[in-house]
Amino acid sequence: MEKYLIHSNELHLIDKQKIHQAVEKVVESLELAAGSTNNFDLYQVVEKYFTDLDTRSKINRLVGVAEEEEELAGYFGLKQEDFE
């Protein structure tokens, strides 16, 4: 049986419990004491990144990941406002 892979336009379909299980593995692999504390919640960050398009866009801008419209704007010498 072929395994179905989730594509970038379907990230919101990932079960939140699976996201949390994956974060648990990251926390263990990095030997972190916890995945969430007072001002740090890796579980929420990853969950929001996968399930909330607005949050994903904000995080992408923060870390310098160009989104499709931004890439097109740069390629054609346009500004982001030209797409709005």
PDB file of N, CA and C in Angstrom:
ATOM      1  N   MET A   1       0.847  -1.183   0.000  1.00  0.00           N
ATOM      2  CA  MET A   1       0.000   0.000   0.000  1.00  0.00           C
ATOM      3  C   MET A   1       0.887   1.238   0.000  1.00  0.00           C
ATOM      4  N   GLU A   2       0.568   2.169  -0.869  1.00  0.00           N
ATOM      5  CA  GLU A   2       1.355   3.391  -0.993  1.00  0.00           C
ATOM      6  C   GLU A   2       0.994   4.366   0.130  1.00  0.00           C
ATOM      7  N   LYS A   3       2.028   4.982   0.678  1.00  0.00           N
ATOM      8  CA  LYS A   3       1.821   5.945   1.758  1.00  0.00           C
ATOM      9  C   LYS A   3       1.448   7.293   1.169  1.00  0.00           C
ATOM     10  N   TYR A   4       0.409   7.931   1.738  1.00  0.00           N
ATOM     11  CA  TYR A   4      -0.027   9.240   1.274  1.00  0.00           C
ATOM     12  C   TYR A   4       0.788  10.315   1.977  1.00  0.00           C
ATOM     13  N   LEU A   5       1.420  11.184   1.212  1.00  0.00           N
ATOM     14  CA  LEU A   5       2.205  12.271   1.780  1.00  0.00           C
ATOM     15  C   LEU A   5       1.393  13.556   1.766  1.00  0.00           C
ATOM     16  N   ILE A   6       1.520  14.322   2.829  1.00  0.00           N
ATOM     17  CA  ILE A   6       0.811  15.590   2.937  1.00  0.00           C
ATOM     18  C   ILE A   6       1.668  16.676   2.303  1.00  0.00           C
ATOM     19  N   HIS A   7       1.065  17.464   1.430  1.00  0.00           N
ATOM     20  CA  HIS A   7       1.768  18.533   0.727  1.00  0.00           C
ATOM     21  C   HIS A   7       1.551  19.866   1.441  1.00  0.00           C
ATOM     22  N   SER A   8       2.308  20.885   1.065  1.00  0.00           N
ATOM     23  CA  SER A   8       2.297  22.160   1.780  1.00  0.00           C
ATOM     24  C   SER A   8       0.928  22.828   1.827  1.00  0.00           C
ATOM     25  N   ASN A   9       0.087  22.577   0.838  1.00  0.00           N
ATOM     26  CA  ASN A   9      -1.244  23.174   0.863  1.00  0.00           C
ATOM     27  C   ASN A   9      -2.231  22.367   1.709  1.00  0.00           C
ATOM     28  N   GLU A  10      -1.747  21.296   2.330  1.00  0.00           N
ATOM     29  CA  GLU A  10      -2.591  20.435   3.152  1.00  0.00           C
ATOM     30  C   GLU A  10      -2.106  20.319   4.591  1.00  0.00           C
ATOM     31  N   LEU A  11      -1.153  21.149   4.981  1.00  0.00           N
ATOM     32  CA  LEU A  11      -0.567  21.032   6.313  1.00  0.00           C
ATOM     33  C   LEU A  11      -1.602  21.133   7.423  1.00  0.00           C
ATOM     34  N   HIS A  12      -2.644  21.911   7.183  1.00  0.00           N
ATOM     35  CA  HIS A  12      -3.692  22.082   8.190  1.00  0.00           C
ATOM     36  C   HIS A  12      -4.458  20.783   8.457  1.00  0.00           C
ATOM     37  N   LEU A  13      -4.294  19.781   7.612  1.00  0.00           N
ATOM     38  CA  LEU A  13      -4.977  18.505   7.785  1.00  0.00           C
ATOM     39  C   LEU A  13      -4.273  17.576   8.766  1.00  0.00           C
ATOM     40  N   ILE A  14      -3.067  17.914   9.152  1.00  0.00           N
ATOM     41  CA  ILE A  14      -2.324  17.058  10.081  1.00  0.00           C
ATOM     42  C   ILE A  14      -3.017  17.081  11.438  1.00  0.00           C
ATOM     43  N   ASP A  15      -3.223  15.913  11.994  1.00  0.00           N
ATOM     44  CA  ASP A  15      -3.858  15.783  13.300  1.00  0.00           C
ATOM     45  C   ASP A  15      -2.993  16.443  14.374  1.00  0.00           C
ATOM     46  N   LYS A  16      -3.606  17.263  15.206  1.00  0.00           N
ATOM     47  CA  LYS A  16      -2.858  17.985  16.241  1.00  0.00           C
ATOM     48  C   LYS A  16      -2.145  17.037  17.197  1.00  0.00           C
ATOM     49  N   GLN A  17      -2.741  15.900  17.472  1.00  0.00           N
ATOM     50  CA  GLN A  17      -2.093  14.924  18.356  1.00  0.00           C
ATOM     51  C   GLN A  17      -0.790  14.404  17.730  1.00  0.00           C
ATOM     52  N   LYS A  18      -0.791  14.213  16.415  1.00  0.00           N
ATOM     53  CA  LYS A  18       0.424  13.768  15.728  1.00  0.00           C
ATOM     54  C   LYS A  18       1.501  14.848  15.778  1.00  0.00           C
ATOM     55  N   ILE A  19       1.079  16.111  15.669  1.00  0.00           N
ATOM     56  CA  ILE A  19       2.034  17.217  15.770  1.00  0.00           C
ATOM     57  C   ILE A  19       2.688  17.197  17.141  1.00  0.00           C
ATOM     58  N   HIS A  20       1.891  17.030  18.193  1.00  0.00           N
ATOM     59  CA  HIS A  20       2.420  17.011  19.560  1.00  0.00           C
ATOM     60  C   HIS A  20       3.338  15.805  19.782  1.00  0.00           C
ATOM     61  N   GLN A  21       2.993  14.663  19.205  1.00  0.00           N
ATOM     62  CA  GLN A  21       3.852  13.481  19.321  1.00  0.00           C
ATOM     63  C   GLN A  21       5.202  13.718  18.642  1.00  0.00           C
ATOM     64  N   ALA A  22       5.179  14.384  17.502  1.00  0.00           N
ATOM     65  CA  ALA A  22       6.419  14.683  16.790  1.00  0.00           C
ATOM     66  C   ALA A  22       7.275  15.669  17.587  1.00  0.00           C
ATOM     67  N   VAL A  23       6.631  16.665  18.197  1.00  0.00           N
ATOM     68  CA  VAL A  23       7.376  17.628  19.019  1.00  0.00           C
ATOM     69  C   VAL A  23       7.989  16.916  20.216  1.00  0.00           C
ATOM     70  N   GLU A  24       7.271  15.965  20.799  1.00  0.00           N
ATOM     71  CA  GLU A  24       7.830  15.187  21.913  1.00  0.00           C
ATOM     72  C   GLU A  24       9.123  14.500  21.489  1.00  0.00           C
ATOM     73  N   LYS A  25       9.153  13.958  20.289  1.00  0.00           N
ATOM     74  CA  LYS A  25      10.358  13.298  19.786  1.00  0.00           C
ATOM     75  C   LYS A  25      11.499  14.296  19.614  1.00  0.00           C
ATOM     76  N   VAL A  26      11.181  15.505  19.136  1.00  0.00           N
ATOM     77  CA  VAL A  26      12.201  16.546  18.988  1.00  0.00           C
ATOM     78  C   VAL A  26      12.750  16.921  20.355  1.00  0.00           C
ATOM     79  N   VAL A  27      11.865  17.114  21.324  1.00  0.00           N
ATOM     80  CA  VAL A  27      12.276  17.478  22.682  1.00  0.00           C
ATOM     81  C   VAL A  27      13.215  16.409  23.247  1.00  0.00           C
ATOM     82  N   GLU A  28      12.850  15.154  23.066  1.00  0.00           N
ATOM     83  CA  GLU A  28      13.692  14.050  23.551  1.00  0.00           C
ATOM     84  C   GLU A  28      15.025  14.009  22.806  1.00  0.00           C
ATOM     85  N   SER A  29      14.996  14.159  21.496  1.00  0.00           N
ATOM     86  CA  SER A  29      16.217  14.086  20.697  1.00  0.00           C
ATOM     87  C   SER A  29      17.209  15.190  21.044  1.00  0.00           C
ATOM     88  N   LEU A  30      16.684  16.370  21.381  1.00  0.00           N
ATOM     89  CA  LEU A  30      17.547  17.493  21.734  1.00  0.00           C
ATOM     90  C   LEU A  30      17.893  17.519  23.220  1.00  0.00           C
ATOM     91  N   GLU A  31      17.380  16.513  23.937  1.00  0.00           N
ATOM     92  CA  GLU A  31      17.612  16.382  25.380  1.00  0.00           C
ATOM     93  C   GLU A  31      17.179  17.641  26.138  1.00  0.00           C
ATOM     94  N   LEU A  32      16.022  18.175  25.741  1.00  0.00           N
ATOM     95  CA  LEU A  32      15.455  19.330  26.426  1.00  0.00           C
ATOM     96  C   LEU A  32      14.719  18.848  27.676  1.00  0.00           C
ATOM     97  N   ALA A  33      14.745  19.674  28.711  1.00  0.00           N
ATOM     98  CA  ALA A  33      14.029  19.330  29.935  1.00  0.00           C
ATOM     99  C   ALA A  33      12.518  19.330  29.687  1.00  0.00           C
ATOM    100  N   ALA A  34      12.061  20.223  28.807  1.00  0.00           N
ATOM    101  CA  ALA A  34      10.634  20.306  28.500  1.00  0.00           C
ATOM    102  C   ALA A  34      10.442  21.002  27.160  1.00  0.00           C
ATOM    103  N   GLY A  35       9.289  20.765  26.557  1.00  0.00           N
ATOM    104  CA  GLY A  35       8.952  21.416  25.302  1.00  0.00           C
ATOM    105  C   GLY A  35       8.171  22.691  25.509  1.00  0.00           C
ATOM    106  N   SER A  36       7.798  22.916  26.765  1.00  0.00           N
ATOM    107  CA  SER A  36       7.099  24.156  27.082  1.00  0.00           C
ATOM    108  C   SER A  36       7.417  24.566  28.518  1.00  0.00           C
ATOM    109  N   THR A  37       7.605  25.858  28.696  1.00  0.00           N
ATOM    110  CA  THR A  37       7.830  26.438  30.013  1.00  0.00           C
ATOM    111  C   THR A  37       7.075  27.764  30.060  1.00  0.00           C
ATOM    112  N   ASN A  38       7.433  28.631  30.967  1.00  0.00           N
ATOM    113  CA  ASN A  38       6.722  29.901  31.137  1.00  0.00           C
ATOM    114  C   ASN A  38       6.575  30.693  29.844  1.00  0.00           C
ATOM    115  N   ASN A  39       7.659  30.924  29.131  1.00  0.00           N
ATOM    116  CA  ASN A  39       7.598  31.753  27.922  1.00  0.00           C
ATOM    117  C   ASN A  39       8.086  31.010  26.679  1.00  0.00           C
ATOM    118  N   PHE A  40       8.015  29.701  26.720  1.00  0.00           N
ATOM    119  CA  PHE A  40       8.515  28.875  25.620  1.00  0.00           C
ATOM    120  C   PHE A  40       7.574  27.696  25.449  1.00  0.00           C
ATOM    121  N   ASP A  41       6.924  27.597  24.295  1.00  0.00           N
ATOM    122  CA  ASP A  41       6.018  26.473  24.061  1.00  0.00           C
ATOM    123  C   ASP A  41       6.188  25.979  22.630  1.00  0.00           C
ATOM    124  N   LEU A  42       7.112  25.058  22.490  1.00  0.00           N
ATOM    125  CA  LEU A  42       7.405  24.496  21.173  1.00  0.00           C
ATOM    126  C   LEU A  42       6.184  23.795  20.589  1.00  0.00           C
ATOM    127  N   TYR A  43       5.376  23.199  21.446  1.00  0.00           N
ATOM    128  CA  TYR A  43       4.167  22.511  20.983  1.00  0.00           C
ATOM    129  C   TYR A  43       3.223  23.479  20.268  1.00  0.00           C
ATOM    130  N   GLN A  44       2.978  24.640  20.884  1.00  0.00           N
ATOM    131  CA  GLN A  44       2.078  25.628  20.293  1.00  0.00           C
ATOM    132  C   GLN A  44       2.664  26.240  19.026  1.00  0.00           C
ATOM    133  N   VAL A  45       3.972  26.503  19.037  1.00  0.00           N
ATOM    134  CA  VAL A  45       4.611  27.092  17.859  1.00  0.00           C
ATOM    135  C   VAL A  45       4.465  26.163  16.660  1.00  0.00           C
ATOM    136  N   VAL A  46       4.777  24.905  16.841  1.00  0.00           N
ATOM    137  CA  VAL A  46       4.714  23.954  15.729  1.00  0.00           C
ATOM    138  C   VAL A  46       3.264  23.722  15.303  1.00  0.00           C
ATOM    139  N   GLU A  47       2.374  23.594  16.279  1.00  0.00           N
ATOM    140  CA  GLU A  47       0.961  23.394  15.944  1.00  0.00           C
ATOM    141  C   GLU A  47       0.418  24.574  15.143  1.00  0.00           C
ATOM    142  N   LYS A  48       0.680  25.783  15.609  1.00  0.00           N
ATOM    143  CA  LYS A  48       0.190  26.968  14.898  1.00  0.00           C
ATOM    144  C   LYS A  48       0.820  27.072  13.512  1.00  0.00           C
ATOM    145  N   TYR A  49       2.107  26.742  13.411  1.00  0.00           N
ATOM    146  CA  TYR A  49       2.778  26.822  12.109  1.00  0.00           C
ATOM    147  C   TYR A  49       2.090  25.919  11.085  1.00  0.00           C
ATOM    148  N   PHE A  50       1.725  24.731  11.507  1.00  0.00           N
ATOM    149  CA  PHE A  50       1.101  23.782  10.578  1.00  0.00           C
ATOM    150  C   PHE A  50      -0.372  24.067  10.326  1.00  0.00           C
ATOM    151  N   THR A  51      -1.089  24.617  11.308  1.00  0.00           N
ATOM    152  CA  THR A  51      -2.540  24.700  11.184  1.00  0.00           C
ATOM    153  C   THR A  51      -3.093  26.093  10.921  1.00  0.00           C
ATOM    154  N   ASP A  52      -2.295  27.141  11.075  1.00  0.00           N
ATOM    155  CA  ASP A  52      -2.803  28.510  10.944  1.00  0.00           C
ATOM    156  C   ASP A  52      -1.992  29.252   9.872  1.00  0.00           C
ATOM    157  N   LEU A  53      -2.623  29.532   8.738  1.00  0.00           N
ATOM    158  CA  LEU A  53      -1.912  30.150   7.612  1.00  0.00           C
ATOM    159  C   LEU A  53      -1.347  31.522   7.947  1.00  0.00           C
ATOM    160  N   ASP A  54      -2.092  32.333   8.707  1.00  0.00           N
ATOM    161  CA  ASP A  54      -1.600  33.659   9.078  1.00  0.00           C
ATOM    162  C   ASP A  54      -0.358  33.561   9.954  1.00  0.00           C
ATOM    163  N   THR A  55      -0.400  32.665  10.933  1.00  0.00           N
ATOM    164  CA  THR A  55       0.759  32.477  11.807  1.00  0.00           C
ATOM    165  C   THR A  55       1.952  31.972  11.016  1.00  0.00           C
ATOM    166  N   ARG A  56       1.714  31.031  10.106  1.00  0.00           N
ATOM    167  CA  ARG A  56       2.810  30.491   9.285  1.00  0.00           C
ATOM    168  C   ARG A  56       3.449  31.596   8.468  1.00  0.00           C
ATOM    169  N   SER A  57       2.636  32.462   7.899  1.00  0.00           N
ATOM    170  CA  SER A  57       3.149  33.568   7.106  1.00  0.00           C
ATOM    171  C   SER A  57       4.003  34.510   7.962  1.00  0.00           C
ATOM    172  N   LYS A  58       3.535  34.816   9.166  1.00  0.00           N
ATOM    173  CA  LYS A  58       4.291  35.692  10.070  1.00  0.00           C
ATOM    174  C   LYS A  58       5.622  35.058  10.462  1.00  0.00           C
ATOM    175  N   ILE A  59       5.598  33.782  10.791  1.00  0.00           N
ATOM    176  CA  ILE A  59       6.839  33.087  11.169  1.00  0.00           C
ATOM    177  C   ILE A  59       7.791  33.048   9.972  1.00  0.00           C
ATOM    178  N   ASN A  60       7.268  32.772   8.794  1.00  0.00           N
ATOM    179  CA  ASN A  60       8.107  32.740   7.589  1.00  0.00           C
ATOM    180  C   ASN A  60       8.806  34.071   7.373  1.00  0.00           C
ATOM    181  N   ARG A  61       8.057  35.173   7.522  1.00  0.00           N
ATOM    182  CA  ARG A  61       8.674  36.495   7.367  1.00  0.00           C
ATOM    183  C   ARG A  61       9.730  36.733   8.433  1.00  0.00           C
ATOM    184  N   LEU A  62       9.435  36.317   9.650  1.00  0.00           N
ATOM    185  CA  LEU A  62      10.361  36.517  10.769  1.00  0.00           C
ATOM    186  C   LEU A  62      11.695  35.817  10.537  1.00  0.00           C
ATOM    187  N   VAL A  63      11.651  34.606  10.009  1.00  0.00           N
ATOM    188  CA  VAL A  63      12.881  33.835   9.802  1.00  0.00           C
ATOM    189  C   VAL A  63      13.439  33.961   8.390  1.00  0.00           C
ATOM    190  N   GLY A  64      12.778  34.765   7.553  1.00  0.00           N
ATOM    191  CA  GLY A  64      13.314  35.024   6.221  1.00  0.00           C
ATOM    192  C   GLY A  64      12.975  33.994   5.169  1.00  0.00           C
ATOM    193  N   VAL A  65      11.896  33.251   5.368  1.00  0.00           N
ATOM    194  CA  VAL A  65      11.452  32.291   4.366  1.00  0.00           C
ATOM    195  C   VAL A  65      10.495  33.016   3.433  1.00  0.00           C
ATOM    196  N   ALA A  66      10.876  33.134   2.170  1.00  0.00           N
ATOM    197  CA  ALA A  66      10.045  33.838   1.198  1.00  0.00           C
ATOM    198  C   ALA A  66       8.824  32.993   0.858  1.00  0.00           C
ATOM    199  N   GLU A  67       7.710  33.655   0.757  1.00  0.00           N
ATOM    200  CA  GLU A  67       6.499  32.967   0.329  1.00  0.00           C
ATOM    201  C   GLU A  67       6.325  33.189  -1.156  1.00  0.00           C
ATOM    202  N   GLU A  68       5.470  32.436  -1.769  1.00  0.00           N
ATOM    203  CA  GLU A  68       5.340  32.433  -3.225  1.00  0.00           C
ATOM    204  C   GLU A  68       5.135  33.831  -3.805  1.00  0.00           C
ATOM    205  N   GLU A  69       4.224  34.613  -3.243  1.00  0.00           N
ATOM    206  CA  GLU A  69       3.982  35.949  -3.777  1.00  0.00           C
ATOM    207  C   GLU A  69       5.209  36.838  -3.632  1.00  0.00           C
ATOM    208  N   GLU A  70       5.902  36.709  -2.487  1.00  0.00           N
ATOM    209  CA  GLU A  70       7.113  37.505  -2.270  1.00  0.00           C
ATOM    210  C   GLU A  70       8.194  37.106  -3.260  1.00  0.00           C
ATOM    211  N   GLU A  71       8.306  35.810  -3.536  1.00  0.00           N
ATOM    212  CA  GLU A  71       9.288  35.336  -4.509  1.00  0.00           C
ATOM    213  C   GLU A  71       8.974  35.887  -5.894  1.00  0.00           C
ATOM    214  N   LEU A  72       7.700  35.844  -6.273  1.00  0.00           N
ATOM    215  CA  LEU A  72       7.298  36.376  -7.571  1.00  0.00           C
ATOM    216  C   LEU A  72       7.548  37.872  -7.651  1.00  0.00           C
ATOM    217  N   ALA A  73       7.237  38.577  -6.575  1.00  0.00           N
ATOM    218  CA  ALA A  73       7.442  40.027  -6.557  1.00  0.00           C
ATOM    219  C   ALA A  73       8.915  40.342  -6.775  1.00  0.00           C
ATOM    220  N   GLY A  74       9.793  39.648  -6.077  1.00  0.00           N
ATOM    221  CA  GLY A  74      11.223  39.878  -6.236  1.00  0.00           C
ATOM    222  C   GLY A  74      11.712  39.532  -7.624  1.00  0.00           C
ATOM    223  N   TYR A  75      11.196  38.462  -8.174  1.00  0.00           N
ATOM    224  CA  TYR A  75      11.606  38.024  -9.502  1.00  0.00           C
ATOM    225  C   TYR A  75      11.257  39.064 -10.566  1.00  0.00           C
ATOM    226  N   PHE A  76      10.066  39.655 -10.425  1.00  0.00           N
ATOM    227  CA  PHE A  76       9.618  40.623 -11.418  1.00  0.00           C
ATOM    228  C   PHE A  76       9.901  42.065 -11.022  1.00  0.00           C
ATOM    229  N   GLY A  77      10.615  42.269  -9.912  1.00  0.00           N
ATOM    230  CA  GLY A  77      10.952  43.608  -9.474  1.00  0.00           C
ATOM    231  C   GLY A  77       9.761  44.387  -8.961  1.00  0.00           C
ATOM    232  N   LEU A  78       8.772  43.679  -8.441  1.00  0.00           N
ATOM    233  CA  LEU A  78       7.570  44.313  -7.919  1.00  0.00           C
ATOM    234  C   LEU A  78       7.626  44.368  -6.391  1.00  0.00           C
ATOM    235  N   LYS A  79       6.718  45.120  -5.812  1.00  0.00           N
ATOM    236  CA  LYS A  79       6.583  45.177  -4.359  1.00  0.00           C
ATOM    237  C   LYS A  79       5.412  44.318  -3.948  1.00  0.00           C
ATOM    238  N   GLN A  80       5.407  43.890  -2.686  1.00  0.00           N
ATOM    239  CA  GLN A  80       4.311  43.067  -2.175  1.00  0.00           C
ATOM    240  C   GLN A  80       2.963  43.758  -2.358  1.00  0.00           C
ATOM    241  N   GLU A  81       2.925  45.082  -2.244  1.00  0.00           N
ATOM    242  CA  GLU A  81       1.674  45.833  -2.382  1.00  0.00           C
ATOM    243  C   GLU A  81       1.051  45.630  -3.769  1.00  0.00           C
ATOM    244  N   ASP A  82       1.883  45.326  -4.760  1.00  0.00           N
ATOM    245  CA  ASP A  82       1.376  45.147  -6.106  1.00  0.00           C
ATOM    246  C   ASP A  82       0.460  43.922  -6.218  1.00  0.00           C
ATOM    247  N   PHE A  83       0.561  43.004  -5.237  1.00  0.00           N
ATOM    248  CA  PHE A  83      -0.259  41.799  -5.243  1.00  0.00           C
ATOM    249  C   PHE A  83      -1.545  41.970  -4.453  1.00  0.00           C
ATOM    250  N   GLU A  84      -1.653  43.042  -3.709  1.00  0.00           N
ATOM    251  CA  GLU A  84      -2.819  43.228  -2.826  1.00  0.00           C
ATOM    252  C   GLU A  84      -3.891  44.046  -3.488  1.00  0.00           C
TER     253      GLU A  84
END
